[in-house]
Structures are given as C-alpha cells and as structure tokens.
Amino acid sequence: MKSKKPTVCEQLRLENQLCFPLYAAARQVVNMYTPYLKPLGLTYTQYLVFLVLGEYGEMKVSEIGGELLLDNGTLSPMLKKLEKEGFIVRTRSSEDERIVMISLTDKGAELYESLADIPEKVGSCVCMDKEKAETLYTLLYELLDAQKAKE
C-alpha cells in the first residue's frame, strides 16, 4: 500500500532551513582536513584539542570543552585515547582533585608543531574568494557569540 505524500509546508522545505547549509558546509570543510590528519592518526576533533592545548597550554577538561563546545561525554574518551597514544598527560589539580588538567607531552608538542601547514593546505581547497571567506568567518562567529550570550 502506497503512503500518502504529505502537503508540502514552505517552512519545512530543506532549502528554507538555515541548519542544512551550515551542517552540509561544516561536513564538507571537516572532510577537507581528513587527507592531512589521517596520516597523523588524528580525527578532526582531536586536531581541535591540539589547537587549544597548543595555544593555551595546560587546561582543565572543562575549559577545553568550553573552547570547543564539546561535552565531557565526547571529550573524555578522546582525551583517554590521546593519553594512551602518549600525546597528552592528564593530572589531578593539586588545588582540587576533582579537576583534571590536560597538557601536551613532548611527543604531543612535536605533533602540534607539525600541524602548522594544515590551515593553509585546507584553505587552498576552499572554493571561495578571500573576502567572502572572511565575511563568512565573521558571520559564523557572530552566530556563535549570540548563542553563547543566550546561555
């Protein structure tokens, strides 16, 4: 038995959704990193962890999660894996043992330094002129900042 096709609602058309082009573009951009990260044994999310640890040094797990907008359920298994691979060290804070601090090991710092050319390589794959890319970057951070302000 054939099911009845519902009446199309304009507000439900895929082309009218802000979420879809954001989602699809994000997936495509993340996929551009794969050829550069896979040989290093890194996922895109692990790459982001390296970026924040390289920039800020030792951080609380909650601070990493805050910077990357990731919850502990996503972050903790990833950090355990990076620790097992010798890239990071997890230690308890001497001030409050409930707080776990994360820092790069020497091996992790070496890997971090080897990531320096990836942004340029990926940037050369983006099919958008520099001015439009800068505008998109600004608009996306405006969206993120507005959402953070609501929380």
N, C-alpha and C. Protein backbone atom coordinates (compact mmCIF):
# COMPACT_ATOMS: atom_id res chain seq x y z
N MET A 1 0.84 -1.18 0.00
CA MET A 1 0.00 0.00 0.00
C MET A 1 0.88 1.24 0.00
N LYS A 2 0.59 2.14 -0.92
CA LYS A 2 1.35 3.39 -1.02
C LYS A 2 0.93 4.34 0.09
N SER A 3 1.92 5.01 0.64
CA SER A 3 1.59 6.02 1.64
C SER A 3 1.27 7.34 0.94
N LYS A 4 0.45 8.10 1.57
CA LYS A 4 0.04 9.40 1.03
C LYS A 4 1.18 10.40 1.22
N LYS A 5 1.49 11.13 0.16
CA LYS A 5 2.50 12.18 0.26
C LYS A 5 1.89 13.35 1.01
N PRO A 6 2.58 13.84 2.06
CA PRO A 6 2.02 14.95 2.82
C PRO A 6 2.05 16.24 2.00
N THR A 7 1.22 17.18 2.39
CA THR A 7 1.22 18.50 1.78
C THR A 7 2.51 19.20 2.19
N VAL A 8 3.20 19.75 1.23
CA VAL A 8 4.49 20.40 1.50
C VAL A 8 4.25 21.74 2.20
N CYS A 9 4.91 21.91 3.31
CA CYS A 9 4.87 23.18 4.04
C CYS A 9 6.10 23.98 3.66
N GLU A 10 5.92 25.23 3.29
CA GLU A 10 7.06 26.07 2.88
C GLU A 10 8.15 26.12 3.95
N GLN A 11 7.75 26.24 5.22
CA GLN A 11 8.75 26.36 6.28
C GLN A 11 9.53 25.07 6.51
N LEU A 12 9.05 23.95 5.92
CA LEU A 12 9.75 22.68 6.08
C LEU A 12 10.59 22.30 4.86
N ARG A 13 10.60 23.13 3.84
CA ARG A 13 11.45 22.84 2.68
C ARG A 13 12.91 22.90 3.13
N LEU A 14 13.67 21.93 2.67
CA LEU A 14 15.09 21.87 3.03
C LEU A 14 15.81 23.16 2.66
N GLU A 15 15.49 23.71 1.51
CA GLU A 15 16.14 24.95 1.06
C GLU A 15 15.82 26.15 1.93
N ASN A 16 14.81 26.05 2.79
CA ASN A 16 14.45 27.15 3.69
C ASN A 16 15.03 26.99 5.10
N GLN A 17 15.85 26.00 5.28
CA GLN A 17 16.41 25.73 6.61
C GLN A 17 17.82 26.33 6.72
N LEU A 18 18.05 27.13 7.73
CA LEU A 18 19.40 27.65 7.99
C LEU A 18 20.33 26.51 8.41
N CYS A 19 19.79 25.56 9.15
CA CYS A 19 20.61 24.48 9.69
C CYS A 19 21.25 23.63 8.60
N PHE A 20 20.55 23.41 7.50
CA PHE A 20 21.09 22.50 6.49
C PHE A 20 22.36 23.00 5.82
N PRO A 21 22.41 24.23 5.28
CA PRO A 21 23.67 24.64 4.66
C PRO A 21 24.81 24.74 5.67
N LEU A 22 24.50 25.08 6.92
CA LEU A 22 25.55 25.11 7.95
C LEU A 22 26.09 23.70 8.18
N TYR A 23 25.18 22.76 8.34
CA TYR A 23 25.55 21.35 8.57
C TYR A 23 26.35 20.79 7.38
N ALA A 24 25.81 20.97 6.17
CA ALA A 24 26.45 20.41 4.99
C ALA A 24 27.82 21.05 4.73
N ALA A 25 27.90 22.37 4.88
CA ALA A 25 29.18 23.05 4.68
C ALA A 25 30.19 22.62 5.73
N ALA A 26 29.75 22.50 6.99
CA ALA A 26 30.66 22.06 8.05
C ALA A 26 31.20 20.67 7.76
N ARG A 27 30.35 19.78 7.33
CA ARG A 27 30.80 18.42 6.99
C ARG A 27 31.83 18.45 5.86
N GLN A 28 31.56 19.25 4.84
CA GLN A 28 32.50 19.34 3.72
C GLN A 28 33.84 19.91 4.15
N VAL A 29 33.81 20.94 4.96
CA VAL A 29 35.07 21.55 5.42
C VAL A 29 35.84 20.56 6.29
N VAL A 30 35.15 19.91 7.22
CA VAL A 30 35.82 18.92 8.08
C VAL A 30 36.43 17.82 7.22
N ASN A 31 35.72 17.39 6.18
CA ASN A 31 36.25 16.34 5.30
C ASN A 31 37.50 16.78 4.56
N MET A 32 37.67 18.09 4.34
CA MET A 32 38.88 18.59 3.69
C MET A 32 40.12 18.36 4.55
N TYR A 33 39.95 18.24 5.85
CA TYR A 33 41.07 18.02 6.76
C TYR A 33 41.55 16.57 6.76
N THR A 34 40.67 15.65 6.40
CA THR A 34 40.97 14.22 6.51
C THR A 34 42.26 13.80 5.83
N PRO A 35 42.53 14.21 4.59
CA PRO A 35 43.78 13.75 3.96
C PRO A 35 45.05 14.19 4.69
N TYR A 36 44.95 15.26 5.46
CA TYR A 36 46.11 15.77 6.18
C TYR A 36 46.21 15.20 7.59
N LEU A 37 45.06 14.90 8.20
CA LEU A 37 45.05 14.41 9.58
C LEU A 37 45.17 12.88 9.67
N LYS A 38 44.58 12.19 8.71
CA LYS A 38 44.57 10.72 8.78
C LYS A 38 45.99 10.13 8.84
N PRO A 39 46.93 10.61 8.02
CA PRO A 39 48.30 10.07 8.12
C PRO A 39 48.95 10.30 9.49
N LEU A 40 48.46 11.30 10.21
CA LEU A 40 48.98 11.59 11.55
C LEU A 40 48.23 10.81 12.63
N GLY A 41 47.19 10.10 12.22
CA GLY A 41 46.39 9.32 13.17
C GLY A 41 45.44 10.17 13.98
N LEU A 42 45.06 11.34 13.45
CA LEU A 42 44.18 12.25 14.18
C LEU A 42 42.83 12.38 13.51
N THR A 43 41.80 12.52 14.32
CA THR A 43 40.49 12.92 13.83
C THR A 43 40.44 14.45 13.86
N TYR A 44 39.42 15.00 13.24
CA TYR A 44 39.28 16.45 13.25
C TYR A 44 39.10 16.98 14.67
N THR A 45 38.31 16.29 15.47
CA THR A 45 38.08 16.75 16.85
C THR A 45 39.36 16.67 17.67
N GLN A 46 40.15 15.64 17.47
CA GLN A 46 41.44 15.56 18.15
C GLN A 46 42.36 16.71 17.72
N TYR A 47 42.30 17.04 16.45
CA TYR A 47 43.06 18.17 15.92
C TYR A 47 42.69 19.45 16.66
N LEU A 48 41.39 19.66 16.88
CA LEU A 48 40.94 20.85 17.61
C LEU A 48 41.49 20.87 19.03
N VAL A 49 41.55 19.71 19.67
CA VAL A 49 42.13 19.63 21.02
C VAL A 49 43.59 20.07 20.99
N PHE A 50 44.32 19.61 19.98
CA PHE A 50 45.72 20.03 19.84
C PHE A 50 45.82 21.54 19.66
N LEU A 51 44.91 22.11 18.89
CA LEU A 51 44.96 23.56 18.66
C LEU A 51 44.80 24.33 19.96
N VAL A 52 43.82 23.96 20.79
CA VAL A 52 43.61 24.72 22.02
C VAL A 52 44.72 24.47 23.03
N LEU A 53 45.21 23.23 23.12
CA LEU A 53 46.30 22.97 24.06
C LEU A 53 47.59 23.66 23.62
N GLY A 54 47.82 23.71 22.31
CA GLY A 54 48.99 24.40 21.80
C GLY A 54 48.92 25.90 22.06
N GLU A 55 47.72 26.43 21.99
CA GLU A 55 47.53 27.87 22.20
C GLU A 55 47.55 28.25 23.67
N TYR A 56 46.87 27.48 24.51
CA TYR A 56 46.69 27.86 25.91
C TYR A 56 47.58 27.11 26.90
N GLY A 57 48.20 26.03 26.48
CA GLY A 57 48.99 25.23 27.41
C GLY A 57 48.10 24.36 28.26
N GLU A 58 48.49 24.12 29.49
CA GLU A 58 47.72 23.26 30.38
C GLU A 58 46.32 23.84 30.61
N MET A 59 45.32 22.96 30.49
CA MET A 59 43.93 23.40 30.64
C MET A 59 43.13 22.36 31.40
N LYS A 60 42.07 22.84 32.05
CA LYS A 60 41.11 21.93 32.66
C LYS A 60 40.30 21.28 31.54
N VAL A 61 39.83 20.06 31.79
CA VAL A 61 38.98 19.40 30.80
C VAL A 61 37.77 20.29 30.48
N SER A 62 37.19 20.89 31.50
CA SER A 62 36.02 21.76 31.29
C SER A 62 36.36 22.97 30.42
N GLU A 63 37.58 23.48 30.52
CA GLU A 63 37.99 24.62 29.69
C GLU A 63 38.13 24.21 28.23
N ILE A 64 38.68 23.02 28.01
CA ILE A 64 38.78 22.51 26.64
C ILE A 64 37.38 22.36 26.06
N GLY A 65 36.49 21.75 26.85
CA GLY A 65 35.11 21.58 26.40
C GLY A 65 34.44 22.91 26.10
N GLY A 66 34.70 23.90 26.94
CA GLY A 66 34.13 25.23 26.71
C GLY A 66 34.63 25.87 25.43
N GLU A 67 35.92 25.75 25.18
CA GLU A 67 36.50 26.33 23.96
C GLU A 67 35.97 25.65 22.71
N LEU A 68 35.80 24.34 22.78
CA LEU A 68 35.41 23.57 21.59
C LEU A 68 33.92 23.27 21.52
N LEU A 69 33.18 23.73 22.52
CA LEU A 69 31.74 23.47 22.60
C LEU A 69 31.45 21.97 22.59
N LEU A 70 32.24 21.22 23.36
CA LEU A 70 32.08 19.77 23.48
C LEU A 70 31.74 19.41 24.91
N ASP A 71 30.90 18.40 25.08
CA ASP A 71 30.56 17.96 26.43
C ASP A 71 31.57 16.91 26.90
N ASN A 72 31.58 16.64 28.19
CA ASN A 72 32.52 15.69 28.77
C ASN A 72 32.36 14.29 28.20
N GLY A 73 31.14 13.91 27.83
CA GLY A 73 30.90 12.59 27.27
C GLY A 73 31.62 12.39 25.95
N THR A 74 31.80 13.44 25.19
CA THR A 74 32.54 13.39 23.93
C THR A 74 34.03 13.54 24.19
N LEU A 75 34.37 14.43 25.09
CA LEU A 75 35.77 14.79 25.32
C LEU A 75 36.55 13.73 26.08
N SER A 76 35.99 13.18 27.13
CA SER A 76 36.74 12.25 28.00
C SER A 76 37.30 11.03 27.27
N PRO A 77 36.51 10.31 26.46
CA PRO A 77 37.10 9.16 25.76
C PRO A 77 38.20 9.57 24.78
N MET A 78 38.02 10.71 24.15
CA MET A 78 39.03 11.20 23.22
C MET A 78 40.34 11.53 23.95
N LEU A 79 40.21 12.18 25.11
CA LEU A 79 41.40 12.52 25.89
C LEU A 79 42.10 11.26 26.39
N LYS A 80 41.34 10.26 26.80
CA LYS A 80 41.94 8.99 27.24
C LYS A 80 42.73 8.36 26.09
N LYS A 81 42.18 8.41 24.89
CA LYS A 81 42.87 7.85 23.73
C LYS A 81 44.16 8.62 23.43
N LEU A 82 44.08 9.95 23.48
CA LEU A 82 45.28 10.76 23.23
C LEU A 82 46.34 10.51 24.30
N GLU A 83 45.90 10.27 25.53
CA GLU A 83 46.84 9.94 26.60
C GLU A 83 47.48 8.59 26.35
N LYS A 84 46.69 7.62 25.97
CA LYS A 84 47.21 6.27 25.69
C LYS A 84 48.25 6.30 24.58
N GLU A 85 48.05 7.20 23.60
CA GLU A 85 48.97 7.33 22.48
C GLU A 85 50.20 8.18 22.85
N GLY A 86 50.22 8.73 24.06
CA GLY A 86 51.37 9.48 24.54
C GLY A 86 51.42 10.94 24.13
N PHE A 87 50.31 11.48 23.66
CA PHE A 87 50.29 12.87 23.21
C PHE A 87 49.96 13.87 24.30
N ILE A 88 49.20 13.43 25.28
CA ILE A 88 48.82 14.32 26.39
C ILE A 88 49.03 13.59 27.71
N VAL A 89 49.02 14.37 28.76
CA VAL A 89 49.04 13.81 30.11
C VAL A 89 47.87 14.42 30.86
N ARG A 90 47.18 13.57 31.60
CA ARG A 90 46.05 14.01 32.43
C ARG A 90 46.50 13.92 33.87
N THR A 91 46.38 15.02 34.60
CA THR A 91 46.76 15.03 36.01
C THR A 91 45.65 15.69 36.83
N ARG A 92 45.58 15.31 38.09
CA ARG A 92 44.61 15.93 39.00
C ARG A 92 45.19 17.25 39.50
N SER A 93 44.35 18.24 39.62
CA SER A 93 44.77 19.53 40.14
C SER A 93 45.21 19.37 41.59
N SER A 94 46.29 20.02 41.96
CA SER A 94 46.76 19.96 43.35
C SER A 94 45.84 20.76 44.27
N GLU A 95 45.11 21.71 43.70
CA GLU A 95 44.19 22.54 44.48
C GLU A 95 42.83 21.88 44.70
N ASP A 96 42.40 21.11 43.71
CA ASP A 96 41.09 20.44 43.79
C ASP A 96 41.18 19.15 42.98
N GLU A 97 41.24 18.03 43.66
CA GLU A 97 41.44 16.74 42.99
C GLU A 97 40.30 16.35 42.05
N ARG A 98 39.18 17.03 42.13
CA ARG A 98 38.08 16.74 41.21
C ARG A 98 38.36 17.29 39.82
N ILE A 99 39.30 18.21 39.73
CA ILE A 99 39.62 18.87 38.46
C ILE A 99 40.76 18.12 37.77
N VAL A 100 40.53 17.76 36.51
CA VAL A 100 41.55 17.08 35.70
C VAL A 100 42.18 18.11 34.76
N MET A 101 43.50 18.17 34.82
CA MET A 101 44.27 19.09 33.97
C MET A 101 44.86 18.31 32.80
N ILE A 102 44.88 18.94 31.64
CA ILE A 102 45.39 18.31 30.42
C ILE A 102 46.53 19.16 29.88
N SER A 103 47.61 18.49 29.50
CA SER A 103 48.71 19.21 28.85
C SER A 103 49.36 18.29 27.82
N LEU A 104 50.02 18.91 26.85
CA LEU A 104 50.73 18.15 25.83
C LEU A 104 52.02 17.57 26.41
N THR A 105 52.34 16.36 26.00
CA THR A 105 53.65 15.78 26.30
C THR A 105 54.64 16.32 25.27
N ASP A 106 55.90 15.97 25.39
CA ASP A 106 56.87 16.37 24.38
C ASP A 106 56.46 15.81 23.01
N LYS A 107 56.01 14.55 23.00
CA LYS A 107 55.54 13.94 21.76
C LYS A 107 54.35 14.71 21.19
N GLY A 108 53.43 15.12 22.06
CA GLY A 108 52.27 15.90 21.64
C GLY A 108 52.67 17.26 21.11
N ALA A 109 53.65 17.90 21.76
CA ALA A 109 54.12 19.21 21.31
C ALA A 109 54.77 19.11 19.93
N GLU A 110 55.50 18.03 19.69
CA GLU A 110 56.10 17.81 18.37
C GLU A 110 55.02 17.65 17.31
N LEU A 111 53.99 16.87 17.65
CA LEU A 111 52.89 16.69 16.69
C LEU A 111 52.18 18.02 16.45
N TYR A 112 51.96 18.78 17.50
CA TYR A 112 51.32 20.10 17.36
C TYR A 112 52.10 20.96 16.38
N GLU A 113 53.40 21.01 16.52
CA GLU A 113 54.23 21.83 15.62
C GLU A 113 54.15 21.36 14.18
N SER A 114 53.94 20.04 13.98
CA SER A 114 53.84 19.51 12.62
C SER A 114 52.51 19.85 11.95
N LEU A 115 51.57 20.40 12.72
CA LEU A 115 50.25 20.75 12.18
C LEU A 115 50.23 22.13 11.52
N ALA A 116 51.31 22.87 11.63
CA ALA A 116 51.32 24.28 11.24
C ALA A 116 50.91 24.56 9.80
N ASP A 117 51.16 23.65 8.88
CA ASP A 117 50.83 23.91 7.48
C ASP A 117 49.43 23.48 7.08
N ILE A 118 48.72 22.82 7.97
CA ILE A 118 47.39 22.31 7.63
C ILE A 118 46.38 23.42 7.32
N PRO A 119 46.29 24.48 8.11
CA PRO A 119 45.30 25.52 7.76
C PRO A 119 45.49 26.08 6.34
N GLU A 120 46.73 26.30 5.94
CA GLU A 120 46.97 26.82 4.59
C GLU A 120 46.59 25.80 3.53
N LYS A 121 46.92 24.53 3.77
CA LYS A 121 46.57 23.48 2.81
C LYS A 121 45.06 23.37 2.65
N VAL A 122 44.35 23.38 3.76
CA VAL A 122 42.89 23.28 3.70
C VAL A 122 42.31 24.55 3.09
N GLY A 123 42.85 25.70 3.47
CA GLY A 123 42.38 26.97 2.92
C GLY A 123 42.47 27.02 1.41
N SER A 124 43.50 26.39 0.85
CA SER A 124 43.65 26.38 -0.60
C SER A 124 42.60 25.50 -1.27
N CYS A 125 41.93 24.66 -0.52
CA CYS A 125 40.87 23.79 -1.07
C CYS A 125 39.50 24.44 -1.03
N VAL A 126 39.36 25.52 -0.29
CA VAL A 126 38.07 26.19 -0.15
C VAL A 126 37.80 27.01 -1.40
N CYS A 127 36.68 26.73 -2.05
CA CYS A 127 36.34 27.41 -3.31
C CYS A 127 35.55 28.68 -3.03
N MET A 128 36.24 29.66 -2.47
CA MET A 128 35.60 30.93 -2.14
C MET A 128 36.69 31.98 -2.08
N ASP A 129 36.41 33.17 -2.62
CA ASP A 129 37.46 34.19 -2.57
C ASP A 129 37.68 34.64 -1.12
N LYS A 130 38.83 35.23 -0.89
CA LYS A 130 39.25 35.58 0.47
C LYS A 130 38.27 36.50 1.18
N GLU A 131 37.74 37.49 0.47
CA GLU A 131 36.81 38.45 1.08
C GLU A 131 35.53 37.75 1.55
N LYS A 132 34.99 36.87 0.72
CA LYS A 132 33.78 36.14 1.10
C LYS A 132 34.06 35.20 2.26
N ALA A 133 35.22 34.55 2.24
CA ALA A 133 35.58 33.64 3.33
C ALA A 133 35.70 34.41 4.65
N GLU A 134 36.28 35.60 4.61
CA GLU A 134 36.40 36.43 5.82
C GLU A 134 35.02 36.87 6.32
N THR A 135 34.13 37.21 5.39
CA THR A 135 32.76 37.59 5.77
C THR A 135 32.04 36.42 6.42
N LEU A 136 32.17 35.24 5.81
CA LEU A 136 31.55 34.03 6.38
C LEU A 136 32.09 33.76 7.77
N TYR A 137 33.39 33.85 7.93
CA TYR A 137 34.04 33.65 9.24
C TYR A 137 33.44 34.59 10.28
N THR A 138 33.33 35.87 9.92
CA THR A 138 32.77 36.87 10.84
C THR A 138 31.33 36.56 11.20
N LEU A 139 30.53 36.22 10.21
CA LEU A 139 29.13 35.91 10.45
C LEU A 139 28.96 34.66 11.33
N LEU A 140 29.77 33.65 11.10
CA LEU A 140 29.67 32.43 11.91
C LEU A 140 30.03 32.70 13.36
N TYR A 141 31.05 33.52 13.58
CA TYR A 141 31.39 33.87 14.97
C TYR A 141 30.32 34.75 15.60
N GLU A 142 29.68 35.60 14.82
CA GLU A 142 28.56 36.38 15.36
C GLU A 142 27.44 35.45 15.81
N LEU A 143 27.16 34.44 15.00
CA LEU A 143 26.13 33.45 15.36
C LEU A 143 26.51 32.70 16.63
N LEU A 144 27.75 32.23 16.71
CA LEU A 144 28.22 31.51 17.90
C LEU A 144 28.17 32.40 19.14
N ASP A 145 28.64 33.64 19.00
CA ASP A 145 28.64 34.54 20.13
C ASP A 145 27.22 34.86 20.62
N ALA A 146 26.31 35.03 19.68
CA ALA A 146 24.92 35.30 20.05
C ALA A 146 24.31 34.11 20.80
N GLN A 147 24.64 32.90 20.35
CA GLN A 147 24.12 31.70 21.03
C GLN A 147 24.72 31.58 22.43
N LYS A 148 26.01 31.87 22.57
CA LYS A 148 26.66 31.82 23.88
C LYS A 148 26.03 32.83 24.83
N ALA A 149 25.72 34.00 24.32
CA ALA A 149 25.12 35.06 25.15
C ALA A 149 23.74 34.66 25.66
N LYS A 150 23.03 33.84 24.90
CA LYS A 150 21.70 33.38 25.30
C LYS A 150 21.77 32.35 26.42
N GLU A 151 22.90 31.65 26.53
CA GLU A 151 23.02 30.56 27.52
C GLU A 151 23.25 31.05 28.91
